[in-house]
Amino acid sequence: MKKVEIFTDGSSLGNPGPGGWCAILRYKNHEKILKGGDEHTTNNKMELTAVIEALKALKEPCEIDLYADSTYVLKGISEWLGNWIKKDFKNVKNPDLWKEYLRYSQPHKINTIWVKGHSGHRENEICDKIAKEEASRRKSADN
C-alpha cells in the first residue's frame, strides 16, 4: 500500500453560512491541493467534506496519515462511527456526509492525527488560509 499524508481544514463564515474546505495530499515528494466550498453550510460539514474529497482523489487503496484540527472529524472517524453505524445514524448530524465518508474510506487504512489549529503547523495553516478564502469567495458571490 502506498503511504499518503492528507492534511485538511474547513471553515464557515457564520455557522451556518458560506463555507470552504481545503485538503493537501502528499505522496513522497508530490503534493496536490484540493479546495471547494458551499454557499450555506457549517464548519463541521466543511471539515468532513475536506476529508471526503481527499479520499475521492485517491486512485488505489492507501495507508493514510490524516492530519486535522477538527476533533469532530477525528473522533467521529476513530471513536464514534462504529456506534453511529449500529444505530443507523439516528440523531447523528450530517449522516449523509458520514455515509459518504464510509463509502470512500473503505479501501484505505486511515490513521488519524490531531494537530492544534492556528499553532504554526505548516500544512494546517495553508489549509486554513485556503478554506477561509473559499468561504469568502462564496460570501462575496452571495452579495
N, C-alpha and C. Protein backbone atom coordinates (compact mmCIF):
# COMPACT_ATOMS: atom_id res chain seq x y z
N MET A 1 0.84 -1.20 0.00
CA MET A 1 0.00 0.00 0.00
C MET A 1 0.88 1.25 0.00
N LYS A 2 0.50 2.20 -0.82
CA LYS A 2 1.19 3.48 -0.80
C LYS A 2 0.86 4.22 0.49
N LYS A 3 1.85 4.93 1.01
CA LYS A 3 1.67 5.72 2.22
C LYS A 3 1.44 7.18 1.80
N VAL A 4 0.28 7.71 2.17
CA VAL A 4 -0.12 9.06 1.77
C VAL A 4 -0.41 9.88 3.01
N GLU A 5 -0.01 11.14 2.97
CA GLU A 5 -0.39 12.08 4.03
C GLU A 5 -1.49 12.98 3.49
N ILE A 6 -2.51 13.20 4.32
CA ILE A 6 -3.59 14.11 3.96
C ILE A 6 -3.75 15.12 5.09
N PHE A 7 -3.77 16.39 4.73
CA PHE A 7 -3.96 17.48 5.68
C PHE A 7 -5.25 18.19 5.27
N THR A 8 -6.15 18.45 6.23
CA THR A 8 -7.44 19.04 5.88
C THR A 8 -7.82 20.16 6.84
N ASP A 9 -8.69 21.04 6.34
CA ASP A 9 -9.32 22.04 7.21
C ASP A 9 -10.58 22.53 6.53
N GLY A 10 -11.49 23.03 7.34
CA GLY A 10 -12.73 23.60 6.85
C GLY A 10 -13.03 24.89 7.58
N SER A 11 -13.88 25.70 6.98
CA SER A 11 -14.20 27.00 7.56
C SER A 11 -15.62 27.38 7.16
N SER A 12 -16.29 28.11 8.04
CA SER A 12 -17.55 28.73 7.63
C SER A 12 -17.62 30.11 8.27
N LEU A 13 -18.17 31.04 7.52
CA LEU A 13 -18.36 32.41 7.98
C LEU A 13 -19.80 32.50 8.47
N GLY A 14 -19.97 32.29 9.76
CA GLY A 14 -21.29 32.06 10.31
C GLY A 14 -21.45 30.55 10.38
N ASN A 15 -22.31 30.10 11.24
CA ASN A 15 -22.46 28.65 11.41
C ASN A 15 -23.93 28.33 11.59
N PRO A 16 -24.75 28.28 10.53
CA PRO A 16 -24.33 28.15 9.13
C PRO A 16 -24.04 29.48 8.45
N GLY A 17 -23.39 29.34 7.31
CA GLY A 17 -23.03 30.48 6.47
C GLY A 17 -22.24 29.97 5.29
N PRO A 18 -21.63 30.88 4.52
CA PRO A 18 -20.78 30.43 3.42
C PRO A 18 -19.54 29.73 3.98
N GLY A 19 -19.15 28.64 3.32
CA GLY A 19 -18.02 27.87 3.85
C GLY A 19 -17.06 27.42 2.78
N GLY A 20 -15.89 27.01 3.24
CA GLY A 20 -14.86 26.50 2.34
C GLY A 20 -14.09 25.38 2.99
N TRP A 21 -13.43 24.59 2.17
CA TRP A 21 -12.60 23.49 2.66
C TRP A 21 -11.34 23.39 1.81
N CYS A 22 -10.33 22.74 2.38
CA CYS A 22 -9.08 22.51 1.66
C CYS A 22 -8.47 21.19 2.13
N ALA A 23 -7.84 20.50 1.22
CA ALA A 23 -7.08 19.29 1.55
C ALA A 23 -5.78 19.30 0.77
N ILE A 24 -4.72 18.93 1.45
CA ILE A 24 -3.42 18.73 0.80
C ILE A 24 -3.12 17.24 0.85
N LEU A 25 -2.88 16.66 -0.31
CA LEU A 25 -2.50 15.25 -0.40
C LEU A 25 -1.02 15.20 -0.73
N ARG A 26 -0.28 14.38 0.01
CA ARG A 26 1.16 14.26 -0.24
C ARG A 26 1.53 12.79 -0.36
N TYR A 27 2.20 12.48 -1.47
CA TYR A 27 2.77 11.16 -1.68
C TYR A 27 4.22 11.36 -2.11
N LYS A 28 5.14 10.89 -1.29
CA LYS A 28 6.57 11.11 -1.50
C LYS A 28 6.81 12.61 -1.66
N ASN A 29 7.33 13.05 -2.80
CA ASN A 29 7.62 14.48 -2.98
C ASN A 29 6.53 15.21 -3.76
N HIS A 30 5.41 14.57 -3.97
CA HIS A 30 4.33 15.16 -4.76
C HIS A 30 3.22 15.66 -3.84
N GLU A 31 2.75 16.87 -4.12
CA GLU A 31 1.63 17.44 -3.36
C GLU A 31 0.54 17.89 -4.31
N LYS A 32 -0.69 17.70 -3.87
CA LYS A 32 -1.84 18.17 -4.64
C LYS A 32 -2.75 18.89 -3.66
N ILE A 33 -3.22 20.07 -4.04
CA ILE A 33 -4.14 20.84 -3.20
C ILE A 33 -5.53 20.79 -3.83
N LEU A 34 -6.50 20.39 -3.02
CA LEU A 34 -7.90 20.38 -3.43
C LEU A 34 -8.63 21.43 -2.60
N LYS A 35 -9.64 22.05 -3.19
CA LYS A 35 -10.39 23.07 -2.45
C LYS A 35 -11.78 23.20 -3.02
N GLY A 36 -12.67 23.76 -2.21
CA GLY A 36 -14.04 23.99 -2.65
C GLY A 36 -14.83 24.61 -1.53
N GLY A 37 -16.14 24.67 -1.72
CA GLY A 37 -16.97 25.25 -0.67
C GLY A 37 -18.43 25.17 -1.01
N ASP A 38 -19.22 25.85 -0.19
CA ASP A 38 -20.66 25.84 -0.31
C ASP A 38 -21.19 27.19 0.17
N GLU A 39 -22.29 27.62 -0.42
CA GLU A 39 -22.85 28.92 -0.06
C GLU A 39 -23.51 28.92 1.32
N HIS A 40 -24.06 27.77 1.73
CA HIS A 40 -24.78 27.70 3.01
C HIS A 40 -24.44 26.38 3.69
N THR A 41 -23.57 26.45 4.70
CA THR A 41 -23.06 25.23 5.31
C THR A 41 -22.60 25.50 6.73
N THR A 42 -22.02 24.48 7.35
CA THR A 42 -21.45 24.64 8.69
C THR A 42 -19.97 24.29 8.66
N ASN A 43 -19.28 24.70 9.71
CA ASN A 43 -17.87 24.39 9.83
C ASN A 43 -17.63 22.87 9.83
N ASN A 44 -18.44 22.13 10.60
CA ASN A 44 -18.25 20.68 10.65
C ASN A 44 -18.46 20.03 9.30
N LYS A 45 -19.45 20.50 8.53
CA LYS A 45 -19.65 19.94 7.18
C LYS A 45 -18.43 20.19 6.30
N MET A 46 -17.85 21.37 6.40
CA MET A 46 -16.68 21.68 5.58
C MET A 46 -15.46 20.87 6.02
N GLU A 47 -15.30 20.67 7.33
CA GLU A 47 -14.20 19.84 7.83
C GLU A 47 -14.30 18.42 7.28
N LEU A 48 -15.50 17.86 7.33
CA LEU A 48 -15.71 16.48 6.86
C LEU A 48 -15.65 16.40 5.34
N THR A 49 -16.15 17.40 4.65
CA THR A 49 -16.09 17.42 3.18
C THR A 49 -14.64 17.40 2.70
N ALA A 50 -13.77 18.12 3.39
CA ALA A 50 -12.36 18.14 3.00
C ALA A 50 -11.78 16.72 3.02
N VAL A 51 -12.12 15.96 4.05
CA VAL A 51 -11.62 14.58 4.15
C VAL A 51 -12.20 13.72 3.02
N ILE A 52 -13.50 13.83 2.80
CA ILE A 52 -14.16 13.02 1.77
C ILE A 52 -13.57 13.33 0.39
N GLU A 53 -13.41 14.60 0.07
CA GLU A 53 -12.89 14.98 -1.24
C GLU A 53 -11.45 14.49 -1.42
N ALA A 54 -10.67 14.50 -0.35
CA ALA A 54 -9.31 13.97 -0.43
C ALA A 54 -9.33 12.47 -0.72
N LEU A 55 -10.22 11.75 -0.04
CA LEU A 55 -10.33 10.31 -0.27
C LEU A 55 -10.80 10.00 -1.69
N LYS A 56 -11.72 10.80 -2.20
CA LYS A 56 -12.21 10.60 -3.57
C LYS A 56 -11.08 10.73 -4.59
N ALA A 57 -10.08 11.52 -4.28
CA ALA A 57 -8.99 11.77 -5.23
C ALA A 57 -8.00 10.61 -5.32
N LEU A 58 -8.04 9.70 -4.34
CA LEU A 58 -7.09 8.58 -4.35
C LEU A 58 -7.55 7.51 -5.35
N LYS A 59 -6.60 6.99 -6.11
CA LYS A 59 -6.92 6.05 -7.19
C LYS A 59 -6.78 4.58 -6.79
N GLU A 60 -6.19 4.32 -5.62
CA GLU A 60 -5.98 2.94 -5.17
C GLU A 60 -5.96 2.92 -3.65
N PRO A 61 -6.11 1.74 -3.05
CA PRO A 61 -6.06 1.67 -1.58
C PRO A 61 -4.72 2.16 -1.05
N CYS A 62 -4.79 2.96 0.02
CA CYS A 62 -3.58 3.56 0.58
C CYS A 62 -3.61 3.47 2.09
N GLU A 63 -2.42 3.56 2.68
CA GLU A 63 -2.31 3.80 4.11
C GLU A 63 -2.19 5.31 4.26
N ILE A 64 -3.09 5.89 5.04
CA ILE A 64 -3.21 7.34 5.12
C ILE A 64 -2.93 7.82 6.53
N ASP A 65 -2.07 8.83 6.64
CA ASP A 65 -1.97 9.61 7.87
C ASP A 65 -2.81 10.86 7.62
N LEU A 66 -3.92 10.96 8.34
CA LEU A 66 -4.87 12.06 8.18
C LEU A 66 -4.66 13.06 9.29
N TYR A 67 -4.23 14.26 8.93
CA TYR A 67 -3.97 15.33 9.88
C TYR A 67 -5.10 16.35 9.81
N ALA A 68 -5.69 16.68 10.96
CA ALA A 68 -6.75 17.68 11.00
C ALA A 68 -6.79 18.31 12.39
N ASP A 69 -7.40 19.49 12.46
CA ASP A 69 -7.58 20.14 13.76
C ASP A 69 -9.01 19.99 14.27
N SER A 70 -9.83 19.23 13.56
CA SER A 70 -11.23 19.04 13.91
C SER A 70 -11.42 17.79 14.77
N THR A 71 -11.71 17.98 16.05
CA THR A 71 -11.98 16.83 16.90
C THR A 71 -13.28 16.15 16.46
N TYR A 72 -14.23 16.92 15.92
CA TYR A 72 -15.48 16.34 15.40
C TYR A 72 -15.16 15.27 14.34
N VAL A 73 -14.32 15.61 13.39
CA VAL A 73 -13.98 14.67 12.32
C VAL A 73 -13.11 13.52 12.85
N LEU A 74 -12.08 13.84 13.58
CA LEU A 74 -11.14 12.80 14.02
C LEU A 74 -11.77 11.83 15.02
N LYS A 75 -12.52 12.35 15.99
CA LYS A 75 -13.21 11.45 16.94
C LYS A 75 -14.35 10.72 16.25
N GLY A 76 -15.01 11.39 15.29
CA GLY A 76 -16.04 10.71 14.51
C GLY A 76 -15.48 9.48 13.84
N ILE A 77 -14.32 9.64 13.21
CA ILE A 77 -13.68 8.53 12.50
C ILE A 77 -13.16 7.47 13.47
N SER A 78 -12.45 7.89 14.49
CA SER A 78 -11.72 6.93 15.33
C SER A 78 -12.51 6.39 16.52
N GLU A 79 -13.57 7.10 16.96
CA GLU A 79 -14.28 6.68 18.18
C GLU A 79 -15.78 6.47 17.99
N TRP A 80 -16.45 7.37 17.31
CA TRP A 80 -17.91 7.40 17.32
C TRP A 80 -18.58 6.63 16.19
N LEU A 81 -17.89 6.47 15.07
CA LEU A 81 -18.51 5.94 13.86
C LEU A 81 -19.11 4.55 14.05
N GLY A 82 -18.43 3.69 14.77
CA GLY A 82 -18.95 2.34 14.99
C GLY A 82 -20.33 2.34 15.63
N ASN A 83 -20.52 3.14 16.66
CA ASN A 83 -21.83 3.23 17.31
C ASN A 83 -22.86 3.91 16.42
N TRP A 84 -22.43 4.90 15.65
CA TRP A 84 -23.37 5.57 14.73
C TRP A 84 -23.90 4.59 13.71
N ILE A 85 -23.03 3.71 13.22
CA ILE A 85 -23.45 2.70 12.24
C ILE A 85 -24.46 1.76 12.89
N LYS A 86 -24.14 1.30 14.12
CA LYS A 86 -25.04 0.38 14.83
C LYS A 86 -26.44 0.95 15.01
N LYS A 87 -26.53 2.27 15.25
CA LYS A 87 -27.85 2.88 15.45
C LYS A 87 -28.37 3.53 14.16
N ASP A 88 -27.78 3.13 13.04
CA ASP A 88 -28.20 3.60 11.72
C ASP A 88 -28.23 5.13 11.64
N PHE A 89 -27.26 5.76 12.27
CA PHE A 89 -27.08 7.22 12.23
C PHE A 89 -28.26 8.00 12.83
N LYS A 90 -29.04 7.35 13.67
CA LYS A 90 -30.17 8.03 14.32
C LYS A 90 -29.64 9.12 15.24
N ASN A 91 -30.18 10.34 15.08
CA ASN A 91 -29.80 11.51 15.87
C ASN A 91 -28.33 11.93 15.68
N VAL A 92 -27.74 11.57 14.55
CA VAL A 92 -26.38 11.98 14.23
C VAL A 92 -26.45 13.12 13.22
N LYS A 93 -25.68 14.17 13.46
CA LYS A 93 -25.64 15.27 12.49
C LYS A 93 -24.82 14.86 11.27
N ASN A 94 -25.25 15.33 10.13
CA ASN A 94 -24.56 15.09 8.85
C ASN A 94 -24.45 13.62 8.46
N PRO A 95 -25.54 12.84 8.63
CA PRO A 95 -25.45 11.41 8.31
C PRO A 95 -25.11 11.15 6.85
N ASP A 96 -25.57 12.01 5.94
CA ASP A 96 -25.26 11.84 4.52
C ASP A 96 -23.75 11.93 4.28
N LEU A 97 -23.10 12.87 4.93
CA LEU A 97 -21.65 13.01 4.77
C LEU A 97 -20.89 11.85 5.43
N TRP A 98 -21.37 11.41 6.60
CA TRP A 98 -20.70 10.29 7.24
C TRP A 98 -20.84 9.02 6.42
N LYS A 99 -21.98 8.82 5.79
CA LYS A 99 -22.15 7.64 4.92
C LYS A 99 -21.25 7.75 3.69
N GLU A 100 -21.11 8.96 3.17
CA GLU A 100 -20.20 9.16 2.04
C GLU A 100 -18.75 8.90 2.48
N TYR A 101 -18.41 9.36 3.67
CA TYR A 101 -17.08 9.07 4.21
C TYR A 101 -16.84 7.56 4.25
N LEU A 102 -17.81 6.83 4.76
CA LEU A 102 -17.67 5.36 4.86
C LEU A 102 -17.42 4.74 3.49
N ARG A 103 -18.17 5.20 2.49
CA ARG A 103 -18.02 4.65 1.14
C ARG A 103 -16.60 4.87 0.61
N TYR A 104 -16.07 6.08 0.79
CA TYR A 104 -14.75 6.39 0.20
C TYR A 104 -13.58 5.97 1.08
N SER A 105 -13.81 5.73 2.35
CA SER A 105 -12.71 5.34 3.24
C SER A 105 -12.48 3.84 3.24
N GLN A 106 -13.45 3.08 2.78
CA GLN A 106 -13.42 1.62 2.92
C GLN A 106 -12.13 0.94 2.45
N PRO A 107 -11.59 1.29 1.28
CA PRO A 107 -10.40 0.53 0.85
C PRO A 107 -9.10 0.93 1.55
N HIS A 108 -9.15 1.96 2.37
CA HIS A 108 -7.93 2.54 2.94
C HIS A 108 -7.74 2.16 4.41
N LYS A 109 -6.49 2.28 4.85
CA LYS A 109 -6.16 2.19 6.27
C LYS A 109 -5.86 3.62 6.71
N ILE A 110 -6.69 4.15 7.62
CA ILE A 110 -6.58 5.57 7.98
C ILE A 110 -6.13 5.72 9.43
N ASN A 111 -5.03 6.44 9.61
CA ASN A 111 -4.53 6.82 10.93
C ASN A 111 -4.89 8.29 11.14
N THR A 112 -5.61 8.61 12.22
CA THR A 112 -5.99 9.99 12.47
C THR A 112 -4.99 10.65 13.40
N ILE A 113 -4.62 11.88 13.05
CA ILE A 113 -3.63 12.63 13.83
C ILE A 113 -4.16 14.05 14.03
N TRP A 114 -4.35 14.42 15.29
CA TRP A 114 -4.85 15.76 15.60
C TRP A 114 -3.70 16.74 15.63
N VAL A 115 -3.91 17.89 15.00
CA VAL A 115 -2.95 18.99 15.10
C VAL A 115 -3.67 20.19 15.68
N LYS A 116 -2.99 20.92 16.51
CA LYS A 116 -3.58 22.12 17.11
C LYS A 116 -3.70 23.18 16.03
N GLY A 117 -4.91 23.69 15.84
CA GLY A 117 -5.14 24.72 14.83
C GLY A 117 -4.47 26.03 15.21
N HIS A 118 -4.10 26.79 14.20
CA HIS A 118 -3.53 28.13 14.39
C HIS A 118 -2.29 28.12 15.30
N SER A 119 -1.48 27.07 15.13
CA SER A 119 -0.30 26.95 16.00
C SER A 119 0.99 26.86 15.20
N GLY A 120 0.93 27.24 13.93
CA GLY A 120 2.14 27.24 13.12
C GLY A 120 2.42 25.95 12.37
N HIS A 121 1.52 24.97 12.43
CA HIS A 121 1.69 23.73 11.65
C HIS A 121 1.54 24.11 10.18
N ARG A 122 2.60 23.95 9.40
CA ARG A 122 2.66 24.46 8.03
C ARG A 122 1.44 24.10 7.19
N GLU A 123 1.16 22.82 7.05
CA GLU A 123 0.07 22.39 6.17
C GLU A 123 -1.29 22.79 6.72
N ASN A 124 -1.45 22.78 8.04
CA ASN A 124 -2.71 23.21 8.63
C ASN A 124 -2.94 24.69 8.36
N GLU A 125 -1.90 25.48 8.44
CA GLU A 125 -2.02 26.93 8.18
C GLU A 125 -2.40 27.18 6.71
N ILE A 126 -1.80 26.42 5.80
CA ILE A 126 -2.13 26.56 4.38
C ILE A 126 -3.58 26.19 4.14
N CYS A 127 -4.01 25.05 4.69
CA CYS A 127 -5.40 24.60 4.51
C CYS A 127 -6.37 25.60 5.12
N ASP A 128 -6.04 26.13 6.28
CA ASP A 128 -6.90 27.11 6.94
C ASP A 128 -7.07 28.36 6.06
N LYS A 129 -5.96 28.84 5.53
CA LYS A 129 -5.99 30.05 4.68
C LYS A 129 -6.84 29.81 3.43
N ILE A 130 -6.64 28.68 2.77
CA ILE A 130 -7.38 28.38 1.55
C ILE A 130 -8.86 28.16 1.85
N ALA A 131 -9.17 27.45 2.94
CA ALA A 131 -10.57 27.21 3.31
C ALA A 131 -11.28 28.54 3.57
N LYS A 132 -10.61 29.45 4.25
CA LYS A 132 -11.21 30.77 4.52
C LYS A 132 -11.39 31.56 3.22
N GLU A 133 -10.43 31.46 2.31
CA GLU A 133 -10.56 32.13 1.01
C GLU A 133 -11.76 31.59 0.24
N GLU A 134 -11.94 30.27 0.27
CA GLU A 134 -13.07 29.64 -0.42
C GLU A 134 -14.39 30.10 0.20
N ALA A 135 -14.45 30.20 1.52
CA ALA A 135 -15.66 30.68 2.20
C ALA A 135 -15.92 32.13 1.81
N SER A 136 -14.88 32.95 1.79
CA SER A 136 -15.03 34.37 1.43
C SER A 136 -15.52 34.53 -0.01
N ARG A 137 -15.00 33.70 -0.90
CA ARG A 137 -15.44 33.74 -2.30
C ARG A 137 -16.95 33.50 -2.39
N ARG A 138 -17.44 32.56 -1.60
CA ARG A 138 -18.87 32.25 -1.61
C ARG A 138 -19.69 33.33 -0.95
N LYS A 139 -19.08 34.01 0.04
CA LYS A 139 -19.78 35.11 0.70
C LYS A 139 -19.94 36.27 -0.28
N SER A 140 -18.87 36.60 -1.00
CA SER A 140 -18.95 37.72 -1.93
C SER A 140 -19.84 37.38 -3.12
N ALA A 141 -19.93 36.11 -3.49
CA ALA A 141 -20.82 35.70 -4.57
C ALA A 141 -22.27 35.80 -4.13
N ASP A 142 -22.48 35.72 -2.81
CA ASP A 142 -23.82 35.80 -2.24
C ASP A 142 -24.37 37.23 -2.26
N ASN A 143 -23.47 38.21 -2.19
CA ASN A 143 -23.89 39.63 -2.12
C ASN A 143 -24.18 40.22 -3.48
